[in-house]
Amino acid sequence: MQIHQKVLYLLLSSLTVSAAFAGNFKIDKDKSELAATMHASPPHGFTSVAKNYVYDIEIDPETLSVNKAVCSFKFADLDSGKNSRDKKMCKWMNVEKYPKAAFEMKSQLPDNASNEHVARGSFTMHGVERPITIAYTLKREGKQIILDGHCQFDHKDWGLEQVRLLFFAVDTLLKPHFHLVGTLEQ
């Protein structure tokens, strides 16, 4: 089973990289953000931002519906604003063995109660693939397309232990979010 997971992970990673920038949604990374917020005790929080990521997003220009969405990033490219914390996170994530995380949209679900669209997909990290749902909004402002989304999940579902340092603990609930600004190209 381990070999099967590794082969699947490598295949997904290579497909994500080879498909980079194939979709019609071209993101302006200077105006966009892909990040995750975490909380720790005593009460404080921090956000890790992906300094670099690879994506392939296809949006129907008429209906503004997402037809395809694939995104990946390297954990070593996350920046929490504190170098020592980033180094500890890379060690905790075992980036030597599991350098990337990847999301691939599989289907659309009915809109939620907040009138957000909902996508179901698979998220792979730490060598484990699990289903997740992402709530998102999509709007046009002139020629710009703005895609905002969020989700949350427990990192223990991906085989990661809770981080504890003395009497501090980082909550196991991760809250990924994104704000992607770009244009549709034909």
C-alpha atoms as a PDB file:
ATOM      1  CA  MET A   1       0.000   0.000   0.000  1.00  0.00           C
ATOM      2  CA  GLN A   2       2.855   2.435   0.796  1.00  0.00           C
ATOM      3  CA  ILE A   3       4.329   1.972  -2.678  1.00  0.00           C
ATOM      4  CA  HIS A   4       0.898   2.583  -4.238  1.00  0.00           C
ATOM      5  CA  GLN A   5       0.533   5.862  -2.284  1.00  0.00           C
ATOM      6  CA  LYS A   6       4.021   7.009  -3.293  1.00  0.00           C
ATOM      7  CA  VAL A   7       3.397   6.245  -6.962  1.00  0.00           C
ATOM      8  CA  LEU A   8       0.041   8.071  -6.837  1.00  0.00           C
ATOM      9  CA  TYR A   9       1.642  11.047  -5.095  1.00  0.00           C
ATOM     10  CA  LEU A  10       4.504  11.234  -7.608  1.00  0.00           C
ATOM     11  CA  LEU A  11       2.065  10.949 -10.507  1.00  0.00           C
ATOM     12  CA  LEU A  12      -0.143  13.721  -9.101  1.00  0.00           C
ATOM     13  CA  SER A  13       2.905  15.907  -8.479  1.00  0.00           C
ATOM     14  CA  SER A  14       4.271  15.415 -11.984  1.00  0.00           C
ATOM     15  CA  LEU A  15       0.872  16.048 -13.573  1.00  0.00           C
ATOM     16  CA  THR A  16       0.494  19.218 -11.550  1.00  0.00           C
ATOM     17  CA  VAL A  17       3.900  20.516 -12.593  1.00  0.00           C
ATOM     18  CA  SER A  18       3.502  19.588 -16.258  1.00  0.00           C
ATOM     19  CA  ALA A  19       0.062  21.186 -16.386  1.00  0.00           C
ATOM     20  CA  ALA A  20       1.250  24.417 -14.786  1.00  0.00           C
ATOM     21  CA  PHE A  21      -0.324  27.475 -16.321  1.00  0.00           C
ATOM     22  CA  ALA A  22      -2.318  25.410 -18.882  1.00  0.00           C
ATOM     23  CA  GLY A  23      -5.717  26.847 -17.844  1.00  0.00           C
ATOM     24  CA  ASN A  24      -7.154  30.155 -18.981  1.00  0.00           C
ATOM     25  CA  PHE A  25      -7.018  31.860 -15.539  1.00  0.00           C
ATOM     26  CA  LYS A  26      -3.730  33.751 -15.333  1.00  0.00           C
ATOM     27  CA  ILE A  27      -3.020  34.844 -11.771  1.00  0.00           C
ATOM     28  CA  ASP A  28      -1.244  38.070 -10.877  1.00  0.00           C
ATOM     29  CA  LYS A  29       0.825  36.755  -7.961  1.00  0.00           C
ATOM     30  CA  ASP A  30       1.615  40.292  -6.764  1.00  0.00           C
ATOM     31  CA  LYS A  31      -2.101  40.788  -6.018  1.00  0.00           C
ATOM     32  CA  SER A  32      -2.845  37.214  -4.899  1.00  0.00           C
ATOM     33  CA  GLU A  33      -2.304  35.091  -1.811  1.00  0.00           C
ATOM     34  CA  LEU A  34      -2.379  31.375  -1.013  1.00  0.00           C
ATOM     35  CA  ALA A  35      -2.083  30.862   2.739  1.00  0.00           C
ATOM     36  CA  ALA A  36      -3.150  28.967   5.861  1.00  0.00           C
ATOM     37  CA  THR A  37      -3.946  30.324   9.304  1.00  0.00           C
ATOM     38  CA  MET A  38      -3.191  28.420  12.492  1.00  0.00           C
ATOM     39  CA  HIS A  39      -3.879  29.136  16.152  1.00  0.00           C
ATOM     40  CA  ALA A  40      -1.760  28.272  19.144  1.00  0.00           C
ATOM     41  CA  SER A  41      -2.036  28.544  22.904  1.00  0.00           C
ATOM     42  CA  PRO A  42      -1.720  30.740  24.814  1.00  0.00           C
ATOM     43  CA  PRO A  43      -3.947  32.557  22.384  1.00  0.00           C
ATOM     44  CA  HIS A  44      -2.055  33.724  19.350  1.00  0.00           C
ATOM     45  CA  GLY A  45      -2.242  32.911  15.696  1.00  0.00           C
ATOM     46  CA  PHE A  46      -0.082  33.057  12.635  1.00  0.00           C
ATOM     47  CA  THR A  47      -0.470  32.744   8.899  1.00  0.00           C
ATOM     48  CA  SER A  48       1.881  30.912   6.553  1.00  0.00           C
ATOM     49  CA  VAL A  49       1.881  32.263   3.010  1.00  0.00           C
ATOM     50  CA  ALA A  50       3.035  30.260  -0.017  1.00  0.00           C
ATOM     51  CA  LYS A  51       5.734  32.372  -1.657  1.00  0.00           C
ATOM     52  CA  ASN A  52       5.447  30.236  -4.774  1.00  0.00           C
ATOM     53  CA  TYR A  53       2.790  27.866  -6.100  1.00  0.00           C
ATOM     54  CA  VAL A  54       1.858  26.102  -9.297  1.00  0.00           C
ATOM     55  CA  TYR A  55      -1.697  26.143 -10.625  1.00  0.00           C
ATOM     56  CA  ASP A  56      -3.916  25.110 -13.510  1.00  0.00           C
ATOM     57  CA  ILE A  57      -7.349  26.751 -13.329  1.00  0.00           C
ATOM     58  CA  GLU A  58      -9.939  26.764 -16.104  1.00  0.00           C
ATOM     59  CA  ILE A  59     -12.880  29.172 -15.754  1.00  0.00           C
ATOM     60  CA  ASP A  60     -15.829  29.420 -18.155  1.00  0.00           C
ATOM     61  CA  PRO A  61     -15.796  33.077 -19.290  1.00  0.00           C
ATOM     62  CA  GLU A  62     -19.584  33.170 -19.852  1.00  0.00           C
ATOM     63  CA  THR A  63     -20.854  31.544 -16.651  1.00  0.00           C
ATOM     64  CA  LEU A  64     -17.834  32.220 -14.425  1.00  0.00           C
ATOM     65  CA  SER A  65     -17.854  28.625 -13.265  1.00  0.00           C
ATOM     66  CA  VAL A  66     -14.675  26.777 -12.376  1.00  0.00           C
ATOM     67  CA  ASN A  67     -14.278  23.796 -14.696  1.00  0.00           C
ATOM     68  CA  LYS A  68     -10.853  22.702 -13.491  1.00  0.00           C
ATOM     69  CA  ALA A  69      -8.643  23.580 -10.536  1.00  0.00           C
ATOM     70  CA  VAL A  70      -5.298  22.075  -9.613  1.00  0.00           C
ATOM     71  CA  CYS A  71      -2.808  23.737  -7.303  1.00  0.00           C
ATOM     72  CA  SER A  72       0.368  22.673  -5.525  1.00  0.00           C
ATOM     73  CA  PHE A  73       3.093  24.233  -3.422  1.00  0.00           C
ATOM     74  CA  LYS A  74       6.265  23.202  -1.628  1.00  0.00           C
ATOM     75  CA  PHE A  75       6.230  23.379   2.154  1.00  0.00           C
ATOM     76  CA  ALA A  76       9.711  24.912   2.037  1.00  0.00           C
ATOM     77  CA  ASP A  77       8.100  27.882   0.202  1.00  0.00           C
ATOM     78  CA  LEU A  78       5.792  28.730   3.123  1.00  0.00           C
ATOM     79  CA  ASP A  79       6.600  31.901   5.039  1.00  0.00           C
ATOM     80  CA  SER A  80       5.060  32.554   8.445  1.00  0.00           C
ATOM     81  CA  GLY A  81       7.111  35.671   9.064  1.00  0.00           C
ATOM     82  CA  LYS A  82       9.312  33.837  11.556  1.00  0.00           C
ATOM     83  CA  ASN A  83      12.271  31.883  10.140  1.00  0.00           C
ATOM     84  CA  SER A  84      12.724  29.620  13.196  1.00  0.00           C
ATOM     85  CA  ARG A  85       9.038  28.593  13.074  1.00  0.00           C
ATOM     86  CA  ASP A  86       9.300  27.885   9.322  1.00  0.00           C
ATOM     87  CA  LYS A  87      12.334  25.629   9.883  1.00  0.00           C
ATOM     88  CA  LYS A  88      10.510  23.714  12.633  1.00  0.00           C
ATOM     89  CA  MET A  89       7.458  23.351  10.384  1.00  0.00           C
ATOM     90  CA  CYS A  90       9.591  21.927   7.576  1.00  0.00           C
ATOM     91  CA  LYS A  91      11.096  19.419   9.993  1.00  0.00           C
ATOM     92  CA  TRP A  92       7.633  18.515  11.361  1.00  0.00           C
ATOM     93  CA  MET A  93       6.297  18.082   7.804  1.00  0.00           C
ATOM     94  CA  ASN A  94       9.354  15.992   6.867  1.00  0.00           C
ATOM     95  CA  VAL A  95       9.865  18.005   3.677  1.00  0.00           C
ATOM     96  CA  GLU A  96      12.771  15.802   2.648  1.00  0.00           C
ATOM     97  CA  LYS A  97      10.338  12.937   2.171  1.00  0.00           C
ATOM     98  CA  TYR A  98       7.108  14.897   1.517  1.00  0.00           C
ATOM     99  CA  PRO A  99       8.079  18.220  -0.078  1.00  0.00           C
ATOM    100  CA  LYS A 100       4.726  19.183  -1.641  1.00  0.00           C
ATOM    101  CA  ALA A 101       1.030  19.554  -1.039  1.00  0.00           C
ATOM    102  CA  ALA A 102      -1.481  19.408  -3.892  1.00  0.00           C
ATOM    103  CA  PHE A 103      -5.201  20.003  -4.413  1.00  0.00           C
ATOM    104  CA  GLU A 104      -7.222  18.740  -7.358  1.00  0.00           C
ATOM    105  CA  MET A 105     -10.884  19.636  -7.804  1.00  0.00           C
ATOM    106  CA  LYS A 106     -13.044  16.583  -8.584  1.00  0.00           C
ATOM    107  CA  SER A 107     -16.595  17.996  -8.640  1.00  0.00           C
ATOM    108  CA  GLN A 108     -18.888  20.891  -7.795  1.00  0.00           C
ATOM    109  CA  LEU A 109     -21.499  20.675  -5.034  1.00  0.00           C
ATOM    110  CA  PRO A 110     -24.593  22.845  -4.512  1.00  0.00           C
ATOM    111  CA  ASP A 111     -23.895  26.330  -3.160  1.00  0.00           C
ATOM    112  CA  ASN A 112     -23.791  26.592   0.636  1.00  0.00           C
ATOM    113  CA  ALA A 113     -26.031  28.665   2.927  1.00  0.00           C
ATOM    114  CA  SER A 114     -23.703  31.663   2.494  1.00  0.00           C
ATOM    115  CA  ASN A 115     -24.244  31.551  -1.299  1.00  0.00           C
ATOM    116  CA  GLU A 116     -20.669  30.431  -1.834  1.00  0.00           C
ATOM    117  CA  HIS A 117     -19.849  27.822  -4.456  1.00  0.00           C
ATOM    118  CA  VAL A 118     -18.494  24.545  -3.093  1.00  0.00           C
ATOM    119  CA  ALA A 119     -15.896  22.349  -4.750  1.00  0.00           C
ATOM    120  CA  ARG A 120     -15.029  18.832  -3.691  1.00  0.00           C
ATOM    121  CA  GLY A 121     -11.545  17.589  -4.343  1.00  0.00           C
ATOM    122  CA  SER A 122      -8.573  15.702  -3.047  1.00  0.00           C
ATOM    123  CA  PHE A 123      -5.795  17.229  -0.998  1.00  0.00           C
ATOM    124  CA  THR A 124      -2.491  15.429  -0.715  1.00  0.00           C
ATOM    125  CA  MET A 125       0.092  16.238   1.940  1.00  0.00           C
ATOM    126  CA  HIS A 126       2.528  14.227   4.012  1.00  0.00           C
ATOM    127  CA  GLY A 127       2.026  11.325   1.597  1.00  0.00           C
ATOM    128  CA  VAL A 128      -1.700  11.042   2.355  1.00  0.00           C
ATOM    129  CA  GLU A 129      -4.575  11.924   0.018  1.00  0.00           C
ATOM    130  CA  ARG A 130      -7.927  12.880   1.579  1.00  0.00           C
ATOM    131  CA  PRO A 131     -11.120  14.476   0.265  1.00  0.00           C
ATOM    132  CA  ILE A 132     -11.834  18.090   1.214  1.00  0.00           C
ATOM    133  CA  THR A 133     -14.425  20.696   0.282  1.00  0.00           C
ATOM    134  CA  ILE A 134     -13.588  24.306  -0.469  1.00  0.00           C
ATOM    135  CA  ALA A 135     -16.121  27.143  -0.353  1.00  0.00           C
ATOM    136  CA  TYR A 136     -15.369  29.911  -2.833  1.00  0.00           C
ATOM    137  CA  THR A 137     -16.670  33.005  -4.564  1.00  0.00           C
ATOM    138  CA  LEU A 138     -15.862  34.116  -8.081  1.00  0.00           C
ATOM    139  CA  LYS A 139     -16.498  37.592  -9.446  1.00  0.00           C
ATOM    140  CA  ARG A 140     -15.526  39.828 -12.327  1.00  0.00           C
ATOM    141  CA  GLU A 141     -14.400  43.426 -11.823  1.00  0.00           C
ATOM    142  CA  GLY A 142     -13.747  44.891 -15.246  1.00  0.00           C
ATOM    143  CA  LYS A 143     -11.207  42.579 -16.866  1.00  0.00           C
ATOM    144  CA  GLN A 144     -10.089  41.149 -13.532  1.00  0.00           C
ATOM    145  CA  ILE A 145     -11.393  37.888 -12.121  1.00  0.00           C
ATOM    146  CA  ILE A 146     -11.267  37.463  -8.341  1.00  0.00           C
ATOM    147  CA  LEU A 147     -11.400  33.969  -6.875  1.00  0.00           C
ATOM    148  CA  ASP A 148     -11.611  33.818  -3.063  1.00  0.00           C
ATOM    149  CA  GLY A 149     -11.927  30.605  -1.103  1.00  0.00           C
ATOM    150  CA  HIS A 150     -11.452  28.887   2.216  1.00  0.00           C
ATOM    151  CA  CYS A 151     -11.730  25.573   3.987  1.00  0.00           C
ATOM    152  CA  GLN A 152     -10.592  23.963   7.195  1.00  0.00           C
ATOM    153  CA  PHE A 153      -9.409  20.546   8.200  1.00  0.00           C
ATOM    154  CA  ASP A 154      -7.599  18.691  10.971  1.00  0.00           C
ATOM    155  CA  HIS A 155      -4.013  17.923  10.021  1.00  0.00           C
ATOM    156  CA  LYS A 156      -4.142  14.743  12.149  1.00  0.00           C
ATOM    157  CA  ASP A 157      -6.241  13.243   9.331  1.00  0.00           C
ATOM    158  CA  TRP A 158      -3.046  13.366   7.252  1.00  0.00           C
ATOM    159  CA  GLY A 159      -0.997  11.530   9.893  1.00  0.00           C
ATOM    160  CA  LEU A 160       0.599  14.620  11.460  1.00  0.00           C
ATOM    161  CA  GLU A 161       0.904  14.943  15.216  1.00  0.00           C
ATOM    162  CA  GLN A 162      -0.045  18.032  17.186  1.00  0.00           C
ATOM    163  CA  VAL A 163       2.877  20.414  17.711  1.00  0.00           C
ATOM    164  CA  ARG A 164       3.656  21.055  21.374  1.00  0.00           C
ATOM    165  CA  LEU A 165       6.456  23.137  22.862  1.00  0.00           C
ATOM    166  CA  LEU A 166       6.600  23.265  26.671  1.00  0.00           C
ATOM    167  CA  PHE A 167       3.155  24.600  27.625  1.00  0.00           C
ATOM    168  CA  PHE A 168       2.363  25.847  24.089  1.00  0.00           C
ATOM    169  CA  ALA A 169       0.323  23.819  21.604  1.00  0.00           C
ATOM    170  CA  VAL A 170      -0.656  24.551  18.020  1.00  0.00           C
ATOM    171  CA  ASP A 171      -4.289  23.761  17.240  1.00  0.00           C
ATOM    172  CA  THR A 172      -4.627  20.831  14.818  1.00  0.00           C
ATOM    173  CA  LEU A 173      -7.253  22.706  12.789  1.00  0.00           C
ATOM    174  CA  LEU A 174      -5.724  24.330   9.690  1.00  0.00           C
ATOM    175  CA  LYS A 175      -7.594  27.077   7.845  1.00  0.00           C
ATOM    176  CA  PRO A 176      -6.305  27.385   4.276  1.00  0.00           C
ATOM    177  CA  HIS A 177      -7.558  30.360   2.280  1.00  0.00           C
ATOM    178  CA  PHE A 178      -6.802  32.064  -0.993  1.00  0.00           C
ATOM    179  CA  HIS A 179      -7.353  35.349  -2.775  1.00  0.00           C
ATOM    180  CA  LEU A 180      -6.479  34.970  -6.448  1.00  0.00           C
ATOM    181  CA  VAL A 181      -6.648  37.938  -8.791  1.00  0.00           C
ATOM    182  CA  GLY A 182      -6.096  37.505 -12.497  1.00  0.00           C
ATOM    183  CA  THR A 183      -7.485  37.585 -15.994  1.00  0.00           C
ATOM    184  CA  LEU A 184      -9.038  35.082 -18.356  1.00  0.00           C
ATOM    185  CA  GLU A 185      -7.007  34.454 -21.464  1.00  0.00           C
ATOM    186  CA  GLN A 186      -8.353  32.789 -24.587  1.00  0.00           C
END
